[in-house]
Amino acid sequence: MTQTTDGAHVVIRHVSTVALMLASLLPAGKTQAALRGDIHEDTVWEGVVRITADVTISGATVRVMPGTRIIFDKPATLGTDPLILLNSPVMLYSRVGRTARLVLAGTPKQPIIIETASGKLRGAIVAGRSTSASVFARHVIFRNLGGGGGHGLAKPAFHAYLGGDQDDFWLSDCVFEDSGPLDIQAHSASSTVHIARCSFVRTAGNCSLSVMGASLGPNVITANRADAVLRIGCSQTLISENILVGPTAGLRLPGSTIEAVNVTGNYVHCTSLSQWGSSALVCDAPGV
């Protein structure tokens, strides 16, 4: 991988199959120095990280420190959108006992910002099929990620397929601005999803948050604010105290087999005649 360091900036230009490692540290107030290849070792990011190509986290933990800015900065002339990939195959996890983990440890006074630079290809974070990945994030601003698409559809700002036995997705006190949806596919029965006190503003498409899959939880979706549909299709889920106001605001519980979903204390106000927001609650499972 070719990389340059400019002041307090790290520029990740190419990610190969070689292990990504921390070579050295700059003085206090700067950011981490030269990085090379994929991430196979536990790593800390801080300062300003500019991403111009896909970055893959495989069987390692990346901890992002308070106040860090991660900027997707790939020119629009260079093809596909850049991604941070949580790409630890389930097979690898079962063999070595390690999953890909992304820990975004922001604070109220020093939130982490993950955004796409103006005029550049819109970045996203993805944990795809046949991977094992966990995400823990607090006080993070996701800005100008995902989006695009037609007929009310949009590419997710954050897509996570939870396929491992110990995969979890926990977000609290985060903001999604001008971005595509948060899309979580919890297909391991033992995985858990906890989304609390998050805001979804100027959402691209008609869905702010989608949580689907075979997870038996316990899962919690609580005290969030959104301007588009919340789509929740996992059993053993508490959906409470969410405030949904916007042109496609609504709550959908798709899937006829989900069980033990508790919906309580939510507020829904659809501000248009959109079919997505025509009902405050749409439920496909009569036993919920």
Foldseek 3Di string as FASTA:
>chain_A
DDWDDDWQETEDADADQDAWDQDAQDPPPHWTDDTHHEHQEEEEGAGEYEYQAEHEFELYEYEYDFQYEYEDEHAPVPDDAYEHEQAHAQVNCVVPVGGYEYEQDYDPVGAYEYFYDPNHRAYAYEYDPRGAYAYHHERYEYERHWADDDPQAIGANYEYEHDHLEHEYEYEHYEYYCGEAHHYEDAHQNYEYEYYHYEYYNYHGAEHYAYAYAHQYCYEAECYEYAHEHEYAYANYEHENYEYHHQLYAYEHDDQPHYHYHYDHYHTDHPHCDPNRVDNYHYNHPHD
